[in-house]
Amino acid sequence: MREQILALLPEINWVKDEKIREAVIATHIDALTEGGWKPEDMDRIPFALAFPNCPASYLRHIKAVTHMCRSILEEYNSIYQGQGDFTLDHDRLIAGALLHDIGKLVEWKEGADGKFGKSETGKLMRHPLSGTVIAMRNGISYEIGHIIAYHAHEGDDAKRSPEAVIVNKVDMMNFDSIRSTLGYL
């Protein structure tokens, strides 16, 4: 399963620290296993259930958020390096982007009719919480767990780390722009 995940998400190799990179892989394996999915299912699972016929898969969404976060990271750090040093932590941001929606792999299920909906776990807790639990039990730090926990509206009244702010804004840009294109916003 490890090699399949790396083939689908080569962006995992952007994480420089080997321990964090391995924890990101372990978290994917754990979430896929617990959710009853195969790695290739990530390209079939819709990234959102909030509107019908979501045209983007979970995998495409994770890639989009991670690529956009990396671009922001590079620009942001090049601008602020030496100018107040308001720099973003590379591995925290990339790992947080890769894992921000990992809980959806246990929050959702596919019905016998091929339609996606909430699993029993998903009826009890949303993906920011379940994703944080899965990630941290696989060696992800509190700092990266914070990004997962606060990337959605659950973090709106909390103090977000700079990396969590970036993941939240990029995630919402993706969600809202697709929703708007489909006429739901």
N, C-alpha and C. Protein backbone atom coordinates (compact mmCIF):
# COMPACT_ATOMS: atom_id res chain seq x y z
N MET A 1 0.83 -1.20 0.00
CA MET A 1 0.00 0.00 0.00
C MET A 1 0.87 1.26 0.00
N ARG A 2 2.01 1.19 0.68
CA ARG A 2 2.91 2.33 0.78
C ARG A 2 3.30 2.86 -0.60
N GLU A 3 3.72 1.96 -1.47
CA GLU A 3 4.16 2.38 -2.81
C GLU A 3 3.02 2.96 -3.63
N GLN A 4 1.82 2.42 -3.46
CA GLN A 4 0.65 2.95 -4.17
C GLN A 4 0.36 4.38 -3.71
N ILE A 5 0.45 4.61 -2.42
CA ILE A 5 0.20 5.95 -1.88
C ILE A 5 1.23 6.93 -2.43
N LEU A 6 2.50 6.54 -2.42
CA LEU A 6 3.55 7.42 -2.94
C LEU A 6 3.40 7.66 -4.44
N ALA A 7 2.90 6.68 -5.17
CA ALA A 7 2.67 6.88 -6.61
C ALA A 7 1.53 7.86 -6.84
N LEU A 8 0.49 7.79 -6.02
CA LEU A 8 -0.65 8.70 -6.16
C LEU A 8 -0.36 10.08 -5.60
N LEU A 9 0.45 10.14 -4.56
CA LEU A 9 0.78 11.40 -3.89
C LEU A 9 2.30 11.58 -3.79
N PRO A 10 2.97 11.78 -4.93
CA PRO A 10 4.42 11.98 -4.87
C PRO A 10 4.79 13.25 -4.10
N GLU A 11 3.81 14.12 -3.87
CA GLU A 11 4.04 15.34 -3.08
C GLU A 11 4.48 15.02 -1.66
N ILE A 12 4.21 13.80 -1.19
CA ILE A 12 4.68 13.40 0.14
C ILE A 12 6.20 13.54 0.22
N ASN A 13 6.87 13.33 -0.90
CA ASN A 13 8.34 13.46 -0.92
C ASN A 13 8.81 14.90 -0.77
N TRP A 14 7.92 15.86 -0.83
CA TRP A 14 8.29 17.25 -0.56
C TRP A 14 8.60 17.47 0.92
N VAL A 15 8.07 16.60 1.78
CA VAL A 15 8.36 16.69 3.20
C VAL A 15 9.81 16.30 3.39
N LYS A 16 10.61 17.21 3.93
CA LYS A 16 12.06 17.00 4.02
C LYS A 16 12.46 16.06 5.16
N ASP A 17 11.81 16.18 6.29
CA ASP A 17 12.15 15.37 7.46
C ASP A 17 11.60 13.95 7.28
N GLU A 18 12.49 12.97 7.30
CA GLU A 18 12.10 11.58 7.05
C GLU A 18 11.07 11.08 8.05
N LYS A 19 11.21 11.46 9.32
CA LYS A 19 10.27 11.01 10.36
C LYS A 19 8.86 11.55 10.06
N ILE A 20 8.76 12.80 9.69
CA ILE A 20 7.45 13.38 9.36
C ILE A 20 6.90 12.74 8.09
N ARG A 21 7.75 12.57 7.09
CA ARG A 21 7.32 11.95 5.83
C ARG A 21 6.76 10.55 6.08
N GLU A 22 7.45 9.75 6.88
CA GLU A 22 6.99 8.40 7.19
C GLU A 22 5.69 8.43 7.99
N ALA A 23 5.54 9.42 8.86
CA ALA A 23 4.29 9.55 9.63
C ALA A 23 3.12 9.92 8.71
N VAL A 24 3.39 10.74 7.68
CA VAL A 24 2.35 11.10 6.70
C VAL A 24 1.91 9.84 5.95
N ILE A 25 2.86 9.02 5.55
CA ILE A 25 2.54 7.77 4.84
C ILE A 25 1.75 6.84 5.76
N ALA A 26 2.23 6.67 6.99
CA ALA A 26 1.56 5.78 7.95
C ALA A 26 0.14 6.25 8.23
N THR A 27 -0.06 7.56 8.27
CA THR A 27 -1.40 8.11 8.51
C THR A 27 -2.33 7.77 7.34
N HIS A 28 -1.82 7.87 6.12
CA HIS A 28 -2.63 7.50 4.96
C HIS A 28 -3.00 6.01 5.00
N ILE A 29 -2.03 5.17 5.30
CA ILE A 29 -2.29 3.73 5.37
C ILE A 29 -3.35 3.44 6.43
N ASP A 30 -3.21 4.05 7.58
CA ASP A 30 -4.13 3.83 8.69
C ASP A 30 -5.55 4.29 8.32
N ALA A 31 -5.68 5.49 7.78
CA ALA A 31 -7.00 6.03 7.44
C ALA A 31 -7.67 5.23 6.33
N LEU A 32 -6.91 4.87 5.32
CA LEU A 32 -7.47 4.05 4.24
C LEU A 32 -7.93 2.70 4.77
N THR A 33 -7.12 2.09 5.61
CA THR A 33 -7.46 0.78 6.18
C THR A 33 -8.70 0.87 7.05
N GLU A 34 -8.71 1.85 7.95
CA GLU A 34 -9.86 2.01 8.85
C GLU A 34 -11.14 2.31 8.07
N GLY A 35 -11.03 3.10 7.02
CA GLY A 35 -12.19 3.45 6.22
C GLY A 35 -12.62 2.37 5.24
N GLY A 36 -11.79 1.35 5.07
CA GLY A 36 -12.12 0.26 4.16
C GLY A 36 -11.88 0.60 2.69
N TRP A 37 -10.94 1.54 2.44
CA TRP A 37 -10.65 1.98 1.08
C TRP A 37 -9.34 1.38 0.57
N LYS A 38 -9.16 1.42 -0.72
CA LYS A 38 -7.89 1.13 -1.38
C LYS A 38 -7.29 2.48 -1.78
N PRO A 39 -5.98 2.56 -1.93
CA PRO A 39 -5.39 3.85 -2.31
C PRO A 39 -6.02 4.47 -3.56
N GLU A 40 -6.30 3.67 -4.57
CA GLU A 40 -6.85 4.21 -5.81
C GLU A 40 -8.26 4.79 -5.62
N ASP A 41 -8.94 4.43 -4.54
CA ASP A 41 -10.26 4.99 -4.25
C ASP A 41 -10.19 6.49 -3.98
N MET A 42 -9.02 6.98 -3.57
CA MET A 42 -8.89 8.41 -3.29
C MET A 42 -9.21 9.26 -4.52
N ASP A 43 -9.07 8.67 -5.70
CA ASP A 43 -9.37 9.41 -6.93
C ASP A 43 -10.83 9.26 -7.36
N ARG A 44 -11.63 8.50 -6.60
CA ARG A 44 -13.06 8.35 -6.87
C ARG A 44 -13.91 9.06 -5.82
N ILE A 45 -13.39 9.11 -4.61
CA ILE A 45 -14.13 9.72 -3.50
C ILE A 45 -14.25 11.22 -3.77
N PRO A 46 -15.46 11.78 -3.71
CA PRO A 46 -15.58 13.22 -3.90
C PRO A 46 -14.94 13.96 -2.73
N PHE A 47 -14.37 15.13 -3.01
CA PHE A 47 -13.74 15.86 -1.90
C PHE A 47 -14.76 16.55 -1.02
N ALA A 48 -15.99 16.71 -1.50
CA ALA A 48 -17.03 17.38 -0.72
C ALA A 48 -18.36 16.67 -0.91
N LEU A 49 -19.13 16.58 0.17
CA LEU A 49 -20.49 16.06 0.11
C LEU A 49 -21.50 17.20 0.22
N ALA A 50 -21.02 18.42 0.39
CA ALA A 50 -21.88 19.57 0.63
C ALA A 50 -22.72 19.98 -0.59
N PHE A 51 -22.34 19.53 -1.75
CA PHE A 51 -23.12 19.80 -2.95
C PHE A 51 -23.11 18.56 -3.82
N PRO A 52 -24.22 18.33 -4.54
CA PRO A 52 -24.32 17.10 -5.34
C PRO A 52 -23.35 17.08 -6.52
N ASN A 53 -22.97 15.88 -6.88
CA ASN A 53 -22.12 15.67 -8.07
C ASN A 53 -20.82 16.46 -8.02
N CYS A 54 -20.15 16.41 -6.90
CA CYS A 54 -18.87 17.09 -6.76
C CYS A 54 -17.92 16.60 -7.86
N PRO A 55 -17.41 17.51 -8.69
CA PRO A 55 -16.59 17.10 -9.82
C PRO A 55 -15.13 16.81 -9.50
N ALA A 56 -14.69 17.11 -8.29
CA ALA A 56 -13.28 16.92 -7.93
C ALA A 56 -13.16 15.82 -6.88
N SER A 57 -12.19 14.97 -7.08
CA SER A 57 -11.97 13.87 -6.15
C SER A 57 -11.19 14.34 -4.92
N TYR A 58 -11.24 13.51 -3.91
CA TYR A 58 -10.45 13.72 -2.70
C TYR A 58 -8.97 13.90 -3.07
N LEU A 59 -8.46 13.01 -3.93
CA LEU A 59 -7.05 13.05 -4.32
C LEU A 59 -6.71 14.36 -5.03
N ARG A 60 -7.53 14.77 -5.98
CA ARG A 60 -7.28 16.02 -6.72
C ARG A 60 -7.28 17.21 -5.77
N HIS A 61 -8.22 17.19 -4.82
CA HIS A 61 -8.31 18.29 -3.85
C HIS A 61 -7.05 18.35 -2.97
N ILE A 62 -6.61 17.21 -2.48
CA ILE A 62 -5.40 17.18 -1.64
C ILE A 62 -4.21 17.71 -2.44
N LYS A 63 -4.09 17.28 -3.68
CA LYS A 63 -3.00 17.76 -4.53
C LYS A 63 -3.11 19.27 -4.75
N ALA A 64 -4.31 19.76 -5.04
CA ALA A 64 -4.50 21.19 -5.28
C ALA A 64 -4.11 22.01 -4.06
N VAL A 65 -4.60 21.62 -2.90
CA VAL A 65 -4.29 22.35 -1.67
C VAL A 65 -2.79 22.30 -1.38
N THR A 66 -2.18 21.15 -1.55
CA THR A 66 -0.74 21.01 -1.27
C THR A 66 0.09 21.84 -2.25
N HIS A 67 -0.23 21.80 -3.52
CA HIS A 67 0.52 22.59 -4.51
C HIS A 67 0.36 24.09 -4.25
N MET A 68 -0.85 24.51 -3.95
CA MET A 68 -1.07 25.94 -3.69
C MET A 68 -0.36 26.38 -2.42
N CYS A 69 -0.39 25.54 -1.39
CA CYS A 69 0.33 25.87 -0.14
C CYS A 69 1.82 25.97 -0.39
N ARG A 70 2.36 25.07 -1.20
CA ARG A 70 3.80 25.12 -1.50
C ARG A 70 4.15 26.41 -2.23
N SER A 71 3.33 26.82 -3.18
CA SER A 71 3.58 28.07 -3.90
C SER A 71 3.55 29.26 -2.96
N ILE A 72 2.55 29.29 -2.09
CA ILE A 72 2.46 30.37 -1.11
C ILE A 72 3.67 30.36 -0.19
N LEU A 73 4.06 29.18 0.29
CA LEU A 73 5.22 29.03 1.16
C LEU A 73 6.46 29.65 0.53
N GLU A 74 6.72 29.29 -0.72
CA GLU A 74 7.92 29.79 -1.39
C GLU A 74 7.88 31.30 -1.55
N GLU A 75 6.76 31.84 -1.97
CA GLU A 75 6.65 33.29 -2.15
C GLU A 75 6.70 34.01 -0.80
N TYR A 76 5.93 33.54 0.15
CA TYR A 76 5.84 34.16 1.46
C TYR A 76 7.21 34.21 2.13
N ASN A 77 7.89 33.05 2.16
CA ASN A 77 9.19 33.00 2.83
C ASN A 77 10.23 33.84 2.11
N SER A 78 10.19 33.89 0.79
CA SER A 78 11.17 34.72 0.07
C SER A 78 10.94 36.21 0.34
N ILE A 79 9.71 36.61 0.55
CA ILE A 79 9.39 38.01 0.82
C ILE A 79 9.74 38.40 2.25
N TYR A 80 9.41 37.55 3.22
CA TYR A 80 9.58 37.91 4.62
C TYR A 80 10.89 37.47 5.25
N GLN A 81 11.68 36.65 4.55
CA GLN A 81 12.98 36.24 5.09
C GLN A 81 13.83 37.49 5.29
N GLY A 82 14.28 37.72 6.52
CA GLY A 82 15.10 38.88 6.82
C GLY A 82 14.30 40.17 6.99
N GLN A 83 13.01 40.10 6.82
CA GLN A 83 12.14 41.27 6.98
C GLN A 83 11.11 40.96 8.06
N GLY A 84 11.58 40.76 9.26
CA GLY A 84 10.71 40.38 10.36
C GLY A 84 10.67 38.88 10.57
N ASP A 85 11.19 38.16 9.59
CA ASP A 85 11.24 36.69 9.66
C ASP A 85 9.90 36.05 10.00
N PHE A 86 8.85 36.53 9.36
CA PHE A 86 7.54 35.92 9.49
C PHE A 86 7.46 34.75 8.52
N THR A 87 8.33 33.77 8.71
CA THR A 87 8.40 32.67 7.76
C THR A 87 7.55 31.49 8.21
N LEU A 88 7.14 30.71 7.23
CA LEU A 88 6.33 29.52 7.47
C LEU A 88 7.25 28.30 7.55
N ASP A 89 6.88 27.34 8.38
CA ASP A 89 7.65 26.11 8.51
C ASP A 89 7.28 25.19 7.34
N HIS A 90 8.27 24.85 6.54
CA HIS A 90 8.06 24.06 5.33
C HIS A 90 7.35 22.74 5.60
N ASP A 91 7.93 21.90 6.47
CA ASP A 91 7.38 20.57 6.68
C ASP A 91 6.03 20.59 7.38
N ARG A 92 5.84 21.52 8.31
CA ARG A 92 4.52 21.63 8.94
C ARG A 92 3.45 21.96 7.91
N LEU A 93 3.75 22.93 7.04
CA LEU A 93 2.76 23.35 6.06
C LEU A 93 2.47 22.26 5.04
N ILE A 94 3.49 21.63 4.51
CA ILE A 94 3.28 20.59 3.49
C ILE A 94 2.58 19.38 4.10
N ALA A 95 3.03 18.93 5.26
CA ALA A 95 2.38 17.78 5.91
C ALA A 95 0.93 18.12 6.28
N GLY A 96 0.72 19.34 6.78
CA GLY A 96 -0.64 19.76 7.13
C GLY A 96 -1.55 19.81 5.92
N ALA A 97 -1.03 20.28 4.80
CA ALA A 97 -1.83 20.31 3.56
C ALA A 97 -2.15 18.90 3.09
N LEU A 98 -1.17 18.02 3.14
CA LEU A 98 -1.37 16.63 2.71
C LEU A 98 -2.38 15.90 3.59
N LEU A 99 -2.46 16.27 4.85
CA LEU A 99 -3.29 15.53 5.82
C LEU A 99 -4.55 16.27 6.25
N HIS A 100 -4.78 17.48 5.77
CA HIS A 100 -5.88 18.26 6.33
C HIS A 100 -7.23 17.55 6.24
N ASP A 101 -7.48 16.79 5.19
CA ASP A 101 -8.76 16.10 5.02
C ASP A 101 -8.67 14.58 5.24
N ILE A 102 -7.61 14.10 5.85
CA ILE A 102 -7.41 12.66 6.01
C ILE A 102 -8.57 12.00 6.74
N GLY A 103 -9.22 12.72 7.62
CA GLY A 103 -10.36 12.18 8.36
C GLY A 103 -11.56 11.85 7.48
N LYS A 104 -11.62 12.43 6.28
CA LYS A 104 -12.72 12.10 5.37
C LYS A 104 -12.69 10.64 4.97
N LEU A 105 -11.54 10.01 5.05
CA LEU A 105 -11.43 8.60 4.69
C LEU A 105 -12.13 7.70 5.71
N VAL A 106 -12.41 8.21 6.90
CA VAL A 106 -13.22 7.46 7.87
C VAL A 106 -14.58 8.12 8.09
N GLU A 107 -14.72 9.38 7.70
CA GLU A 107 -15.99 10.08 7.88
C GLU A 107 -17.01 9.65 6.83
N TRP A 108 -16.52 9.24 5.67
CA TRP A 108 -17.42 8.92 4.56
C TRP A 108 -17.40 7.44 4.24
N LYS A 109 -18.47 7.01 3.57
CA LYS A 109 -18.56 5.63 3.09
C LYS A 109 -19.26 5.67 1.73
N GLU A 110 -19.10 4.58 1.02
CA GLU A 110 -19.80 4.43 -0.25
C GLU A 110 -20.92 3.42 -0.04
N GLY A 111 -22.12 3.82 -0.39
CA GLY A 111 -23.27 2.93 -0.25
C GLY A 111 -23.32 1.89 -1.35
N ALA A 112 -24.19 0.92 -1.18
CA ALA A 112 -24.37 -0.13 -2.18
C ALA A 112 -24.81 0.45 -3.52
N ASP A 113 -25.45 1.62 -3.48
CA ASP A 113 -25.91 2.28 -4.71
C ASP A 113 -24.82 3.12 -5.37
N GLY A 114 -23.60 3.10 -4.78
CA GLY A 114 -22.49 3.87 -5.34
C GLY A 114 -22.46 5.32 -4.91
N LYS A 115 -23.41 5.72 -4.07
CA LYS A 115 -23.45 7.10 -3.58
C LYS A 115 -22.65 7.21 -2.29
N PHE A 116 -22.05 8.37 -2.10
CA PHE A 116 -21.23 8.60 -0.92
C PHE A 116 -22.03 9.33 0.14
N GLY A 117 -21.80 8.96 1.39
CA GLY A 117 -22.46 9.60 2.52
C GLY A 117 -21.64 9.42 3.78
N LYS A 118 -22.24 9.77 4.89
CA LYS A 118 -21.56 9.68 6.18
C LYS A 118 -21.50 8.24 6.67
N SER A 119 -20.34 7.88 7.19
CA SER A 119 -20.18 6.58 7.85
C SER A 119 -20.70 6.72 9.28
N GLU A 120 -20.71 5.61 10.01
CA GLU A 120 -21.11 5.69 11.42
C GLU A 120 -20.15 6.60 12.19
N THR A 121 -18.85 6.49 11.89
CA THR A 121 -17.86 7.38 12.51
C THR A 121 -18.16 8.82 12.13
N GLY A 122 -18.47 9.05 10.86
CA GLY A 122 -18.75 10.39 10.38
C GLY A 122 -19.98 11.02 11.00
N LYS A 123 -20.91 10.19 11.42
CA LYS A 123 -22.11 10.71 12.10
C LYS A 123 -21.77 11.18 13.51
N LEU A 124 -20.68 10.66 14.06
CA LEU A 124 -20.28 11.02 15.42
C LEU A 124 -19.30 12.17 15.48
N MET A 125 -18.42 12.29 14.46
CA MET A 125 -17.44 13.37 14.47
C MET A 125 -17.02 13.72 13.05
N ARG A 126 -16.74 14.99 12.84
CA ARG A 126 -16.30 15.46 11.54
C ARG A 126 -14.82 15.15 11.34
N HIS A 127 -14.42 15.24 10.08
CA HIS A 127 -13.06 14.86 9.68
C HIS A 127 -11.93 15.64 10.35
N PRO A 128 -12.10 16.90 10.73
CA PRO A 128 -10.97 17.55 11.42
C PRO A 128 -10.58 16.84 12.73
N LEU A 129 -11.58 16.36 13.46
CA LEU A 129 -11.29 15.66 14.71
C LEU A 129 -10.78 14.25 14.45
N SER A 130 -11.50 13.47 13.64
CA SER A 130 -11.05 12.10 13.38
C SER A 130 -9.69 12.09 12.69
N GLY A 131 -9.45 13.04 11.79
CA GLY A 131 -8.16 13.12 11.11
C GLY A 131 -7.02 13.44 12.05
N THR A 132 -7.27 14.32 13.01
CA THR A 132 -6.25 14.66 13.99
C THR A 132 -5.89 13.44 14.83
N VAL A 133 -6.89 12.70 15.26
CA VAL A 133 -6.66 11.49 16.07
C VAL A 133 -5.83 10.48 15.28
N ILE A 134 -6.23 10.22 14.04
CA ILE A 134 -5.51 9.24 13.22
C ILE A 134 -4.07 9.69 12.99
N ALA A 135 -3.89 10.96 12.65
CA ALA A 135 -2.54 11.46 12.38
C ALA A 135 -1.64 11.38 13.60
N MET A 136 -2.16 11.79 14.75
CA MET A 136 -1.32 11.81 15.94
C MET A 136 -1.01 10.42 16.45
N ARG A 137 -1.90 9.46 16.24
CA ARG A 137 -1.56 8.10 16.66
C ARG A 137 -0.53 7.46 15.73
N ASN A 138 -0.25 8.13 14.62
CA ASN A 138 0.77 7.66 13.68
C ASN A 138 2.04 8.50 13.72
N GLY A 139 2.20 9.29 14.77
CA GLY A 139 3.45 10.01 14.97
C GLY A 139 3.47 11.45 14.50
N ILE A 140 2.34 11.98 14.07
CA ILE A 140 2.29 13.39 13.64
C ILE A 140 2.30 14.27 14.89
N SER A 141 3.05 15.35 14.83
CA SER A 141 3.22 16.25 15.98
C SER A 141 1.95 17.05 16.28
N TYR A 142 1.92 17.62 17.47
CA TYR A 142 0.82 18.50 17.86
C TYR A 142 0.70 19.69 16.90
N GLU A 143 1.84 20.20 16.44
CA GLU A 143 1.82 21.37 15.54
C GLU A 143 1.14 21.05 14.22
N ILE A 144 1.37 19.86 13.69
CA ILE A 144 0.71 19.46 12.45
C ILE A 144 -0.72 19.02 12.75
N GLY A 145 -0.92 18.35 13.87
CA GLY A 145 -2.28 18.00 14.30
C GLY A 145 -3.16 19.23 14.44
N HIS A 146 -2.58 20.32 14.91
CA HIS A 146 -3.29 21.60 15.04
C HIS A 146 -3.82 22.05 13.67
N ILE A 147 -3.02 21.91 12.63
CA ILE A 147 -3.44 22.31 11.28
C ILE A 147 -4.64 21.49 10.84
N ILE A 148 -4.59 20.18 11.06
CA ILE A 148 -5.69 19.29 10.69
C ILE A 148 -6.94 19.66 11.48
N ALA A 149 -6.78 19.84 12.78
CA ALA A 149 -7.92 20.11 13.66
C ALA A 149 -8.61 21.43 13.34
N TYR A 150 -7.83 22.44 12.93
CA TYR A 150 -8.38 23.79 12.77
C TYR A 150 -8.49 24.26 11.32
N HIS A 151 -8.38 23.34 10.36
CA HIS A 151 -8.42 23.78 8.95
C HIS A 151 -9.82 24.16 8.49
N ALA A 152 -10.85 23.69 9.16
CA ALA A 152 -12.23 23.96 8.76
C ALA A 152 -12.89 24.90 9.78
N HIS A 153 -14.20 25.00 9.73
CA HIS A 153 -14.89 25.96 10.60
C HIS A 153 -14.69 25.69 12.08
N GLU A 154 -14.26 24.47 12.44
CA GLU A 154 -13.97 24.18 13.85
C GLU A 154 -12.89 25.11 14.40
N GLY A 155 -12.06 25.64 13.54
CA GLY A 155 -10.99 26.52 13.98
C GLY A 155 -11.30 28.00 13.87
N ASP A 156 -12.51 28.34 13.46
CA ASP A 156 -12.83 29.75 13.21
C ASP A 156 -12.72 30.64 14.45
N ASP A 157 -12.96 30.11 15.63
CA ASP A 157 -12.85 30.91 16.85
C ASP A 157 -11.59 30.60 17.64
N ALA A 158 -10.70 29.84 17.03
CA ALA A 158 -9.46 29.45 17.71
C ALA A 158 -8.29 30.28 17.17
N LYS A 159 -7.21 30.27 17.91
CA LYS A 159 -5.99 30.91 17.43
C LYS A 159 -5.26 29.89 16.55
N ARG A 160 -5.19 30.18 15.25
CA ARG A 160 -4.52 29.28 14.32
C ARG A 160 -3.06 29.66 14.18
N SER A 161 -2.22 28.64 14.02
CA SER A 161 -0.81 28.89 13.70
C SER A 161 -0.74 29.49 12.30
N PRO A 162 0.36 30.13 11.93
CA PRO A 162 0.47 30.68 10.57
C PRO A 162 0.25 29.62 9.49
N GLU A 163 0.77 28.42 9.71
CA GLU A 163 0.59 27.34 8.73
C GLU A 163 -0.88 26.92 8.65
N ALA A 164 -1.56 26.89 9.79
CA ALA A 164 -2.98 26.54 9.81
C ALA A 164 -3.81 27.60 9.09
N VAL A 165 -3.42 28.86 9.21
CA VAL A 165 -4.12 29.93 8.48
C VAL A 165 -4.02 29.69 6.98
N ILE A 166 -2.82 29.36 6.51
CA ILE A 166 -2.62 29.14 5.07
C ILE A 166 -3.45 27.95 4.60
N VAL A 167 -3.40 26.82 5.29
CA VAL A 167 -4.17 25.64 4.87
C VAL A 167 -5.66 25.96 4.88
N ASN A 168 -6.14 26.65 5.90
CA ASN A 168 -7.55 27.01 5.97
C ASN A 168 -7.96 27.87 4.78
N LYS A 169 -7.20 28.90 4.48
CA LYS A 169 -7.57 29.82 3.39
C LYS A 169 -7.51 29.12 2.03
N VAL A 170 -6.48 28.31 1.81
CA VAL A 170 -6.34 27.60 0.53
C VAL A 170 -7.46 26.57 0.38
N ASP A 171 -7.76 25.85 1.45
CA ASP A 171 -8.83 24.87 1.42
C ASP A 171 -10.16 25.55 1.09
N MET A 172 -10.45 26.66 1.74
CA MET A 172 -11.70 27.38 1.50
C MET A 172 -11.76 27.98 0.10
N MET A 173 -10.61 28.44 -0.41
CA MET A 173 -10.57 28.94 -1.79
C MET A 173 -10.95 27.83 -2.77
N ASN A 174 -10.41 26.66 -2.56
CA ASN A 174 -10.74 25.52 -3.42
C ASN A 174 -12.22 25.16 -3.31
N PHE A 175 -12.70 25.02 -2.09
CA PHE A 175 -14.09 24.64 -1.85
C PHE A 175 -15.04 25.67 -2.44
N ASP A 176 -14.83 26.95 -2.11
CA ASP A 176 -15.76 27.99 -2.55
C ASP A 176 -15.70 28.25 -4.05
N SER A 177 -14.53 28.15 -4.66
CA SER A 177 -14.46 28.41 -6.10
C SER A 177 -15.15 27.30 -6.89
N ILE A 178 -15.03 26.06 -6.46
CA ILE A 178 -15.74 24.96 -7.13
C ILE A 178 -17.24 25.08 -6.88
N ARG A 179 -17.61 25.38 -5.65
CA ARG A 179 -19.02 25.57 -5.31
C ARG A 179 -19.63 26.70 -6.13
N SER A 180 -18.88 27.77 -6.29
CA SER A 180 -19.36 28.92 -7.07
C SER A 180 -19.50 28.55 -8.55
N THR A 181 -18.53 27.85 -9.10
CA THR A 181 -18.59 27.42 -10.50
C THR A 181 -19.82 26.58 -10.76
N LEU A 182 -20.20 25.75 -9.77
CA LEU A 182 -21.37 24.89 -9.92
C LEU A 182 -22.69 25.62 -9.62
N GLY A 183 -22.58 26.89 -9.21
CA GLY A 183 -23.78 27.68 -8.96
C GLY A 183 -24.35 27.54 -7.57
N TYR A 184 -23.58 27.03 -6.61
CA TYR A 184 -24.06 26.85 -5.25
C TYR A 184 -23.62 27.96 -4.30
N LEU A 185 -22.92 28.94 -4.82
CA LEU A 185 -22.45 30.03 -3.96
C LEU A 185 -22.86 31.36 -4.56
